[in-house]
Amino acid sequence: MGVNVGGGVGKAHLALDIRIIDAKTSQIVAAASVEGSASNVGLSGQGDIGPLPVSLGGFANTPVEKAIRVCIQKATDYIVSKTPREYYRR
């Protein structure tokens, strides 16, 4: 019976600069930098239990993808909170 086990840690950090600009006046309404970080700890392995092969998976998402999602959510929250109500139309 043979068993191989491996693992790893992945980290990512991103920053986005956000500016809300009034298209009519070219004035900057608000500006900020948002940051996102993420990490993964993964376990992988494989082996045989009797005649049956066994395998454990790696990463479902990369840390970079998770950090991008964090940045996008923070940027969206910032834009919604800082855009004046009169800019919205129905």
PDB file of N, CA and C in Angstrom:
ATOM      1  N   MET A   1       0.865  -1.176   0.000  1.00  0.00           N
ATOM      2  CA  MET A   1       0.000   0.000   0.000  1.00  0.00           C
ATOM      3  C   MET A   1       0.904   1.229   0.000  1.00  0.00           C
ATOM      4  N   GLY A   2       0.828   2.056  -1.063  1.00  0.00           N
ATOM      5  CA  GLY A   2       1.626   3.269  -1.160  1.00  0.00           C
ATOM      6  C   GLY A   2       0.756   4.507  -1.039  1.00  0.00           C
ATOM      7  N   VAL A   3       1.299   5.529  -0.377  1.00  0.00           N
ATOM      8  CA  VAL A   3       0.555   6.777  -0.190  1.00  0.00           C
ATOM      9  C   VAL A   3       1.491   7.946  -0.451  1.00  0.00           C
ATOM     10  N   ASN A   4       1.034   8.927  -1.236  1.00  0.00           N
ATOM     11  CA  ASN A   4       1.755  10.182  -1.455  1.00  0.00           C
ATOM     12  C   ASN A   4       0.860  11.316  -0.997  1.00  0.00           C
ATOM     13  N   VAL A   5       1.391  12.210  -0.178  1.00  0.00           N
ATOM     14  CA  VAL A   5       0.625  13.347   0.315  1.00  0.00           C
ATOM     15  C   VAL A   5       1.427  14.609   0.055  1.00  0.00           C
ATOM     16  N   GLY A   6       0.741  15.668  -0.403  1.00  0.00           N
ATOM     17  CA  GLY A   6       1.399  16.947  -0.641  1.00  0.00           C
ATOM     18  C   GLY A   6       0.463  18.075  -0.260  1.00  0.00           C
ATOM     19  N   GLY A   7       1.002  19.254  -0.179  1.00  0.00           N
ATOM     20  CA  GLY A   7       0.170  20.400   0.164  1.00  0.00           C
ATOM     21  C   GLY A   7       0.907  21.677  -0.135  1.00  0.00           C
ATOM     22  N   GLY A   8       0.205  22.770   0.051  1.00  0.00           N
ATOM     23  CA  GLY A   8       0.824  24.055  -0.209  1.00  0.00           C
ATOM     24  C   GLY A   8      -0.049  25.202   0.252  1.00  0.00           C
ATOM     25  N   VAL A   9       0.570  26.366   0.313  1.00  0.00           N
ATOM     26  CA  VAL A   9      -0.135  27.584   0.684  1.00  0.00           C
ATOM     27  C   VAL A   9       0.084  28.585  -0.438  1.00  0.00           C
ATOM     28  N   GLY A  10      -0.994  29.218  -0.892  1.00  0.00           N
ATOM     29  CA  GLY A  10      -0.895  30.249  -1.911  1.00  0.00           C
ATOM     30  C   GLY A  10      -1.500  31.539  -1.385  1.00  0.00           C
ATOM     31  N   LYS A  11      -0.858  32.660  -1.682  1.00  0.00           N
ATOM     32  CA  LYS A  11      -1.351  33.955  -1.217  1.00  0.00           C
ATOM     33  C   LYS A  11      -1.387  34.934  -2.378  1.00  0.00           C
ATOM     34  N   ALA A  12      -2.347  35.878  -2.313  1.00  0.00           N
ATOM     35  CA  ALA A  12      -2.432  36.929  -3.334  1.00  0.00           C
ATOM     36  C   ALA A  12      -2.922  38.205  -2.677  1.00  0.00           C
ATOM     37  N   HIS A  13      -2.419  39.335  -3.162  1.00  0.00           N
ATOM     38  CA  HIS A  13      -2.839  40.650  -2.674  1.00  0.00           C
ATOM     39  C   HIS A  13      -2.974  41.563  -3.884  1.00  0.00           C
ATOM     40  N   LEU A  14      -4.111  42.261  -3.988  1.00  0.00           N
ATOM     41  CA  LEU A  14      -4.369  43.165  -5.108  1.00  0.00           C
ATOM     42  C   LEU A  14      -4.866  44.494  -4.583  1.00  0.00           C
ATOM     43  N   ALA A  15      -4.670  45.539  -5.379  1.00  0.00           N
ATOM     44  CA  ALA A  15      -5.212  46.866  -5.049  1.00  0.00           C
ATOM     45  C   ALA A  15      -5.787  47.473  -6.329  1.00  0.00           C
ATOM     46  N   LEU A  16      -6.916  48.146  -6.192  1.00  0.00           N
ATOM     47  CA  LEU A  16      -7.550  48.852  -7.302  1.00  0.00           C
ATOM     48  C   LEU A  16      -7.706  50.317  -6.927  1.00  0.00           C
ATOM     49  N   ASP A  17      -7.376  51.216  -7.842  1.00  0.00           N
ATOM     50  CA  ASP A  17      -7.630  52.641  -7.643  1.00  0.00           C
ATOM     51  C   ASP A  17      -8.961  52.965  -8.302  1.00  0.00           C
ATOM     52  N   ILE A  18      -9.864  53.561  -7.535  1.00  0.00           N
ATOM     53  CA  ILE A  18     -11.225  53.859  -7.992  1.00  0.00           C
ATOM     54  C   ILE A  18     -11.400  55.367  -8.067  1.00  0.00           C
ATOM     55  N   ARG A  19     -11.968  55.838  -9.156  1.00  0.00           N
ATOM     56  CA  ARG A  19     -12.350  57.255  -9.280  1.00  0.00           C
ATOM     57  C   ARG A  19     -13.749  57.315  -9.857  1.00  0.00           C
ATOM     58  N   ILE A  20     -14.601  58.072  -9.201  1.00  0.00           N
ATOM     59  CA  ILE A  20     -15.932  58.343  -9.732  1.00  0.00           C
ATOM     60  C   ILE A  20     -15.855  59.730 -10.355  1.00  0.00           C
ATOM     61  N   ILE A  21     -16.112  59.799 -11.657  1.00  0.00           N
ATOM     62  CA  ILE A  21     -15.964  61.055 -12.392  1.00  0.00           C
ATOM     63  C   ILE A  21     -17.303  61.467 -12.980  1.00  0.00           C
ATOM     64  N   ASP A  22     -17.663  62.724 -12.787  1.00  0.00           N
ATOM     65  CA  ASP A  22     -18.862  63.286 -13.399  1.00  0.00           C
ATOM     66  C   ASP A  22     -18.566  63.466 -14.887  1.00  0.00           C
ATOM     67  N   ALA A  23     -19.282  62.743 -15.727  1.00  0.00           N
ATOM     68  CA  ALA A  23     -19.008  62.766 -17.170  1.00  0.00           C
ATOM     69  C   ALA A  23     -19.315  64.123 -17.804  1.00  0.00           C
ATOM     70  N   LYS A  24     -20.231  64.895 -17.227  1.00  0.00           N
ATOM     71  CA  LYS A  24     -20.572  66.206 -17.787  1.00  0.00           C
ATOM     72  C   LYS A  24     -19.517  67.259 -17.463  1.00  0.00           C
ATOM     73  N   THR A  25     -19.003  67.229 -16.250  1.00  0.00           N
ATOM     74  CA  THR A  25     -18.080  68.279 -15.801  1.00  0.00           C
ATOM     75  C   THR A  25     -16.620  67.823 -15.760  1.00  0.00           C
ATOM     76  N   SER A  26     -16.373  66.559 -15.876  1.00  0.00           N
ATOM     77  CA  SER A  26     -15.034  65.951 -15.756  1.00  0.00           C
ATOM     78  C   SER A  26     -14.444  66.088 -14.353  1.00  0.00           C
ATOM     79  N   GLN A  27     -15.269  66.422 -13.393  1.00  0.00           N
ATOM     80  CA  GLN A  27     -14.815  66.554 -12.000  1.00  0.00           C
ATOM     81  C   GLN A  27     -14.784  65.180 -11.328  1.00  0.00           C
ATOM     82  N   ILE A  28     -13.768  64.987 -10.502  1.00  0.00           N
ATOM     83  CA  ILE A  28     -13.693  63.762  -9.708  1.00  0.00           C
ATOM     84  C   ILE A  28     -14.630  63.921  -8.521  1.00  0.00           C
ATOM     85  N   VAL A  29     -15.624  63.043  -8.436  1.00  0.00           N
ATOM     86  CA  VAL A  29     -16.607  63.073  -7.351  1.00  0.00           C
ATOM     87  C   VAL A  29     -16.023  62.406  -6.106  1.00  0.00           C
ATOM     88  N   ALA A  30     -15.323  61.299  -6.284  1.00  0.00           N
ATOM     89  CA  ALA A  30     -14.716  60.573  -5.169  1.00  0.00           C
ATOM     90  C   ALA A  30     -13.582  59.710  -5.714  1.00  0.00           C
ATOM     91  N   ALA A  31     -12.615  59.413  -4.855  1.00  0.00           N
ATOM     92  CA  ALA A  31     -11.495  58.556  -5.246  1.00  0.00           C
ATOM     93  C   ALA A  31     -11.017  57.766  -4.037  1.00  0.00           C
ATOM     94  N   ALA A  32     -10.604  56.546  -4.279  1.00  0.00           N
ATOM     95  CA  ALA A  32     -10.105  55.698  -3.197  1.00  0.00           C
ATOM     96  C   ALA A  32      -9.309  54.542  -3.790  1.00  0.00           C
ATOM     97  N   SER A  33      -8.590  53.876  -2.936  1.00  0.00           N
ATOM     98  CA  SER A  33      -7.903  52.644  -3.293  1.00  0.00           C
ATOM     99  C   SER A  33      -8.511  51.532  -2.446  1.00  0.00           C
ATOM    100  N   VAL A  34      -8.891  50.432  -3.073  1.00  0.00           N
ATOM    101  CA  VAL A  34      -9.420  49.288  -2.335  1.00  0.00           C
ATOM    102  C   VAL A  34      -8.447  48.125  -2.494  1.00  0.00           C
ATOM    103  N   GLU A  35      -8.362  47.298  -1.465  1.00  0.00           N
ATOM    104  CA  GLU A  35      -7.422  46.176  -1.474  1.00  0.00           C
ATOM    105  C   GLU A  35      -8.132  44.883  -1.147  1.00  0.00           C
ATOM    106  N   GLY A  36      -7.622  43.813  -1.695  1.00  0.00           N
ATOM    107  CA  GLY A  36      -8.147  42.491  -1.404  1.00  0.00           C
ATOM    108  C   GLY A  36      -7.015  41.496  -1.269  1.00  0.00           C
ATOM    109  N   SER A  37      -7.150  40.630  -0.300  1.00  0.00           N
ATOM    110  CA  SER A  37      -6.150  39.579  -0.076  1.00  0.00           C
ATOM    111  C   SER A  37      -6.876  38.252   0.078  1.00  0.00           C
ATOM    112  N   ALA A  38      -6.200  37.202  -0.285  1.00  0.00           N
ATOM    113  CA  ALA A  38      -6.769  35.869  -0.123  1.00  0.00           C
ATOM    114  C   ALA A  38      -5.636  34.862  -0.043  1.00  0.00           C
ATOM    115  N   SER A  39      -5.947  33.738   0.560  1.00  0.00           N
ATOM    116  CA  SER A  39      -4.968  32.657   0.609  1.00  0.00           C
ATOM    117  C   SER A  39      -5.695  31.327   0.562  1.00  0.00           C
ATOM    118  N   ASN A  40      -4.990  30.333   0.140  1.00  0.00           N
ATOM    119  CA  ASN A  40      -5.503  28.974   0.088  1.00  0.00           C
ATOM    120  C   ASN A  40      -4.509  28.055   0.762  1.00  0.00           C
ATOM    121  N   VAL A  41      -5.033  27.087   1.435  1.00  0.00           N
ATOM    122  CA  VAL A  41      -4.216  25.999   1.938  1.00  0.00           C
ATOM    123  C   VAL A  41      -4.770  24.757   1.278  1.00  0.00           C
ATOM    124  N   GLY A  42      -3.929  24.054   0.571  1.00  0.00           N
ATOM    125  CA  GLY A  42      -4.409  22.899  -0.183  1.00  0.00           C
ATOM    126  C   GLY A  42      -3.754  21.614   0.285  1.00  0.00           C
ATOM    127  N   LEU A  43      -4.478  20.550   0.103  1.00  0.00           N
ATOM    128  CA  LEU A  43      -3.983  19.221   0.436  1.00  0.00           C
ATOM    129  C   LEU A  43      -4.233  18.338  -0.772  1.00  0.00           C
ATOM    130  N   SER A  44      -3.245  17.623  -1.155  1.00  0.00           N
ATOM    131  CA  SER A  44      -3.435  16.673  -2.236  1.00  0.00           C
ATOM    132  C   SER A  44      -2.746  15.377  -1.861  1.00  0.00           C
ATOM    133  N   GLY A  45      -3.236  14.344  -2.413  1.00  0.00           N
ATOM    134  CA  GLY A  45      -2.615  13.059  -2.131  1.00  0.00           C
ATOM    135  C   GLY A  45      -3.209  11.985  -3.015  1.00  0.00           C
ATOM    136  N   GLN A  46      -2.532  10.880  -3.037  1.00  0.00           N
ATOM    137  CA  GLN A  46      -3.050   9.746  -3.771  1.00  0.00           C
ATOM    138  C   GLN A  46      -2.444   8.492  -3.195  1.00  0.00           C
ATOM    139  N   GLY A  47      -3.107   7.423  -3.429  1.00  0.00           N
ATOM    140  CA  GLY A  47      -2.589   6.161  -2.932  1.00  0.00           C
ATOM    141  C   GLY A  47      -3.504   5.026  -3.325  1.00  0.00           C
ATOM    142  N   ASP A  48      -3.223   3.892  -2.819  1.00  0.00           N
ATOM    143  CA  ASP A  48      -4.029   2.710  -3.089  1.00  0.00           C
ATOM    144  C   ASP A  48      -4.450   2.106  -1.757  1.00  0.00           C
ATOM    145  N   ILE A  49      -5.732   1.798  -1.674  1.00  0.00           N
ATOM    146  CA  ILE A  49      -6.233   1.044  -0.529  1.00  0.00           C
ATOM    147  C   ILE A  49      -6.709  -0.277  -1.107  1.00  0.00           C
ATOM    148  N   GLY A  50      -5.934  -1.296  -0.877  1.00  0.00           N
ATOM    149  CA  GLY A  50      -6.231  -2.575  -1.525  1.00  0.00           C
ATOM    150  C   GLY A  50      -6.140  -2.390  -3.036  1.00  0.00           C
ATOM    151  N   PRO A  51      -7.127  -2.872  -3.765  1.00  0.00           N
ATOM    152  CA  PRO A  51      -7.109  -2.719  -5.209  1.00  0.00           C
ATOM    153  C   PRO A  51      -7.684  -1.383  -5.689  1.00  0.00           C
ATOM    154  N   LEU A  52      -8.182  -0.531  -4.752  1.00  0.00           N
ATOM    155  CA  LEU A  52      -8.857   0.719  -5.126  1.00  0.00           C
ATOM    156  C   LEU A  52      -7.901   1.907  -5.087  1.00  0.00           C
ATOM    157  N   PRO A  53      -7.746   2.659  -6.192  1.00  0.00           N
ATOM    158  CA  PRO A  53      -6.946   3.892  -6.166  1.00  0.00           C
ATOM    159  C   PRO A  53      -7.731   5.007  -5.469  1.00  0.00           C
ATOM    160  N   VAL A  54      -7.037   5.845  -4.695  1.00  0.00           N
ATOM    161  CA  VAL A  54      -7.660   6.948  -3.961  1.00  0.00           C
ATOM    162  C   VAL A  54      -6.924   8.234  -4.328  1.00  0.00           C
ATOM    163  N   SER A  55      -7.668   9.347  -4.535  1.00  0.00           N
ATOM    164  CA  SER A  55      -7.044  10.627  -4.871  1.00  0.00           C
ATOM    165  C   SER A  55      -7.787  11.757  -4.181  1.00  0.00           C
ATOM    166  N   LEU A  56      -7.045  12.703  -3.609  1.00  0.00           N
ATOM    167  CA  LEU A  56      -7.631  13.891  -2.982  1.00  0.00           C
ATOM    168  C   LEU A  56      -7.275  15.099  -3.839  1.00  0.00           C
ATOM    169  N   GLY A  57      -8.252  16.026  -4.034  1.00  0.00           N
ATOM    170  CA  GLY A  57      -8.103  17.128  -4.990  1.00  0.00           C
ATOM    171  C   GLY A  57      -7.271  18.285  -4.500  1.00  0.00           C
ATOM    172  N   GLY A  58      -6.923  19.197  -5.392  1.00  0.00           N
ATOM    173  CA  GLY A  58      -6.138  20.383  -5.093  1.00  0.00           C
ATOM    174  C   GLY A  58      -7.003  21.581  -4.774  1.00  0.00           C
ATOM    175  N   PHE A  59      -6.846  22.669  -5.526  1.00  0.00           N
ATOM    176  CA  PHE A  59      -7.532  23.922  -5.252  1.00  0.00           C
ATOM    177  C   PHE A  59      -8.729  24.107  -6.168  1.00  0.00           C
ATOM    178  N   ALA A  60      -9.862  24.503  -5.601  1.00  0.00           N
ATOM    179  CA  ALA A  60     -11.043  24.816  -6.410  1.00  0.00           C
ATOM    180  C   ALA A  60     -10.884  26.190  -7.049  1.00  0.00           C
ATOM    181  N   ASN A  61     -10.365  27.182  -6.312  1.00  0.00           N
ATOM    182  CA  ASN A  61     -10.138  28.547  -6.803  1.00  0.00           C
ATOM    183  C   ASN A  61      -8.716  28.963  -6.438  1.00  0.00           C
ATOM    184  N   THR A  62      -8.136  29.790  -7.273  1.00  0.00           N
ATOM    185  CA  THR A  62      -6.799  30.286  -6.950  1.00  0.00           C
ATOM    186  C   THR A  62      -6.912  31.472  -6.000  1.00  0.00           C
ATOM    187  N   PRO A  63      -5.872  31.773  -5.230  1.00  0.00           N
ATOM    188  CA  PRO A  63      -5.898  32.943  -4.362  1.00  0.00           C
ATOM    189  C   PRO A  63      -6.073  34.243  -5.145  1.00  0.00           C
ATOM    190  N   VAL A  64      -5.516  34.316  -6.345  1.00  0.00           N
ATOM    191  CA  VAL A  64      -5.657  35.532  -7.148  1.00  0.00           C
ATOM    192  C   VAL A  64      -7.126  35.764  -7.490  1.00  0.00           C
ATOM    193  N   GLU A  65      -7.821  34.719  -7.897  1.00  0.00           N
ATOM    194  CA  GLU A  65      -9.244  34.857  -8.212  1.00  0.00           C
ATOM    195  C   GLU A  65     -10.027  35.323  -6.989  1.00  0.00           C
ATOM    196  N   LYS A  66      -9.735  34.775  -5.840  1.00  0.00           N
ATOM    197  CA  LYS A  66     -10.436  35.185  -4.617  1.00  0.00           C
ATOM    198  C   LYS A  66     -10.128  36.640  -4.268  1.00  0.00           C
ATOM    199  N   ALA A  67      -8.869  37.065  -4.413  1.00  0.00           N
ATOM    200  CA  ALA A  67      -8.499  38.452  -4.115  1.00  0.00           C
ATOM    201  C   ALA A  67      -9.185  39.422  -5.082  1.00  0.00           C
ATOM    202  N   ILE A  68      -9.306  39.042  -6.347  1.00  0.00           N
ATOM    203  CA  ILE A  68     -10.017  39.878  -7.318  1.00  0.00           C
ATOM    204  C   ILE A  68     -11.467  40.030  -6.905  1.00  0.00           C
ATOM    205  N   ARG A  69     -12.100  38.952  -6.486  1.00  0.00           N
ATOM    206  CA  ARG A  69     -13.499  39.022  -6.044  1.00  0.00           C
ATOM    207  C   ARG A  69     -13.661  39.953  -4.846  1.00  0.00           C
ATOM    208  N   VAL A  70     -12.723  39.895  -3.912  1.00  0.00           N
ATOM    209  CA  VAL A  70     -12.764  40.789  -2.745  1.00  0.00           C
ATOM    210  C   VAL A  70     -12.657  42.249  -3.203  1.00  0.00           C
ATOM    211  N   CYS A  71     -11.709  42.535  -4.110  1.00  0.00           N
ATOM    212  CA  CYS A  71     -11.532  43.902  -4.626  1.00  0.00           C
ATOM    213  C   CYS A  71     -12.776  44.390  -5.351  1.00  0.00           C
ATOM    214  N   ILE A  72     -13.365  43.551  -6.187  1.00  0.00           N
ATOM    215  CA  ILE A  72     -14.557  43.956  -6.927  1.00  0.00           C
ATOM    216  C   ILE A  72     -15.700  44.263  -5.973  1.00  0.00           C
ATOM    217  N   GLN A  73     -15.880  43.454  -4.947  1.00  0.00           N
ATOM    218  CA  GLN A  73     -16.956  43.706  -3.984  1.00  0.00           C
ATOM    219  C   GLN A  73     -16.720  45.013  -3.231  1.00  0.00           C
ATOM    220  N   LYS A  74     -15.498  45.240  -2.782  1.00  0.00           N
ATOM    221  CA  LYS A  74     -15.187  46.481  -2.073  1.00  0.00           C
ATOM    222  C   LYS A  74     -15.346  47.691  -2.987  1.00  0.00           C
ATOM    223  N   ALA A  75     -14.916  47.567  -4.247  1.00  0.00           N
ATOM    224  CA  ALA A  75     -15.048  48.673  -5.203  1.00  0.00           C
ATOM    225  C   ALA A  75     -16.520  48.979  -5.463  1.00  0.00           C
ATOM    226  N   THR A  76     -17.325  47.959  -5.642  1.00  0.00           N
ATOM    227  CA  THR A  76     -18.758  48.155  -5.865  1.00  0.00           C
ATOM    228  C   THR A  76     -19.403  48.831  -4.672  1.00  0.00           C
ATOM    229  N   ASP A  77     -19.096  48.387  -3.474  1.00  0.00           N
ATOM    230  CA  ASP A  77     -19.646  49.008  -2.261  1.00  0.00           C
ATOM    231  C   ASP A  77     -19.250  50.478  -2.181  1.00  0.00           C
ATOM    232  N   TYR A  78     -17.997  50.774  -2.506  1.00  0.00           N
ATOM    233  CA  TYR A  78     -17.514  52.158  -2.459  1.00  0.00           C
ATOM    234  C   TYR A  78     -18.244  53.019  -3.489  1.00  0.00           C
ATOM    235  N   ILE A  79     -18.356  52.529  -4.712  1.00  0.00           N
ATOM    236  CA  ILE A  79     -19.024  53.292  -5.773  1.00  0.00           C
ATOM    237  C   ILE A  79     -20.471  53.575  -5.412  1.00  0.00           C
ATOM    238  N   VAL A  80     -21.175  52.582  -4.918  1.00  0.00           N
ATOM    239  CA  VAL A  80     -22.575  52.769  -4.526  1.00  0.00           C
ATOM    240  C   VAL A  80     -22.691  53.782  -3.398  1.00  0.00           C
ATOM    241  N   SER A  81     -21.790  53.723  -2.435  1.00  0.00           N
ATOM    242  CA  SER A  81     -21.893  54.629  -1.282  1.00  0.00           C
ATOM    243  C   SER A  81     -21.491  56.068  -1.605  1.00  0.00           C
ATOM    244  N   LYS A  82     -20.642  56.271  -2.614  1.00  0.00           N
ATOM    245  CA  LYS A  82     -20.126  57.612  -2.901  1.00  0.00           C
ATOM    246  C   LYS A  82     -20.767  58.297  -4.122  1.00  0.00           C
ATOM    247  N   THR A  83     -21.550  57.581  -4.898  1.00  0.00           N
ATOM    248  CA  THR A  83     -22.199  58.187  -6.055  1.00  0.00           C
ATOM    249  C   THR A  83     -23.434  58.952  -5.573  1.00  0.00           C
ATOM    250  N   PRO A  84     -23.498  60.259  -5.857  1.00  0.00           N
ATOM    251  CA  PRO A  84     -24.654  61.049  -5.408  1.00  0.00           C
ATOM    252  C   PRO A  84     -25.963  60.516  -5.996  1.00  0.00           C
ATOM    253  N   ARG A  85     -27.011  60.582  -5.196  1.00  0.00           N
ATOM    254  CA  ARG A  85     -28.330  60.071  -5.616  1.00  0.00           C
ATOM    255  C   ARG A  85     -28.827  60.707  -6.900  1.00  0.00           C
ATOM    256  N   GLU A  86     -28.533  61.985  -7.096  1.00  0.00           N
ATOM    257  CA  GLU A  86     -29.044  62.681  -8.285  1.00  0.00           C
ATOM    258  C   GLU A  86     -28.433  62.132  -9.579  1.00  0.00           C
ATOM    259  N   TYR A  87     -27.407  61.328  -9.484  1.00  0.00           N
ATOM    260  CA  TYR A  87     -26.798  60.745 -10.690  1.00  0.00           C
ATOM    261  C   TYR A  87     -27.577  59.524 -11.173  1.00  0.00           C
ATOM    262  N   TYR A  88     -28.420  58.964 -10.318  1.00  0.00           N
ATOM    263  CA  TYR A  88     -29.196  57.794 -10.708  1.00  0.00           C
ATOM    264  C   TYR A  88     -30.467  58.230 -11.436  1.00  0.00           C
ATOM    265  N   ARG A  89     -30.848  57.465 -12.433  1.00  0.00           N
ATOM    266  CA  ARG A  89     -32.083  57.735 -13.193  1.00  0.00           C
ATOM    267  C   ARG A  89     -32.991  56.536 -13.150  1.00  0.00           C
ATOM    268  N   ARG A  90     -34.270  56.788 -13.312  1.00  0.00           N
ATOM    269  CA  ARG A  90     -35.245  55.692 -13.421  1.00  0.00           C
ATOM    270  C   ARG A  90     -35.750  55.591 -14.811  1.00  0.00           C
TER     271      ARG A  90
END
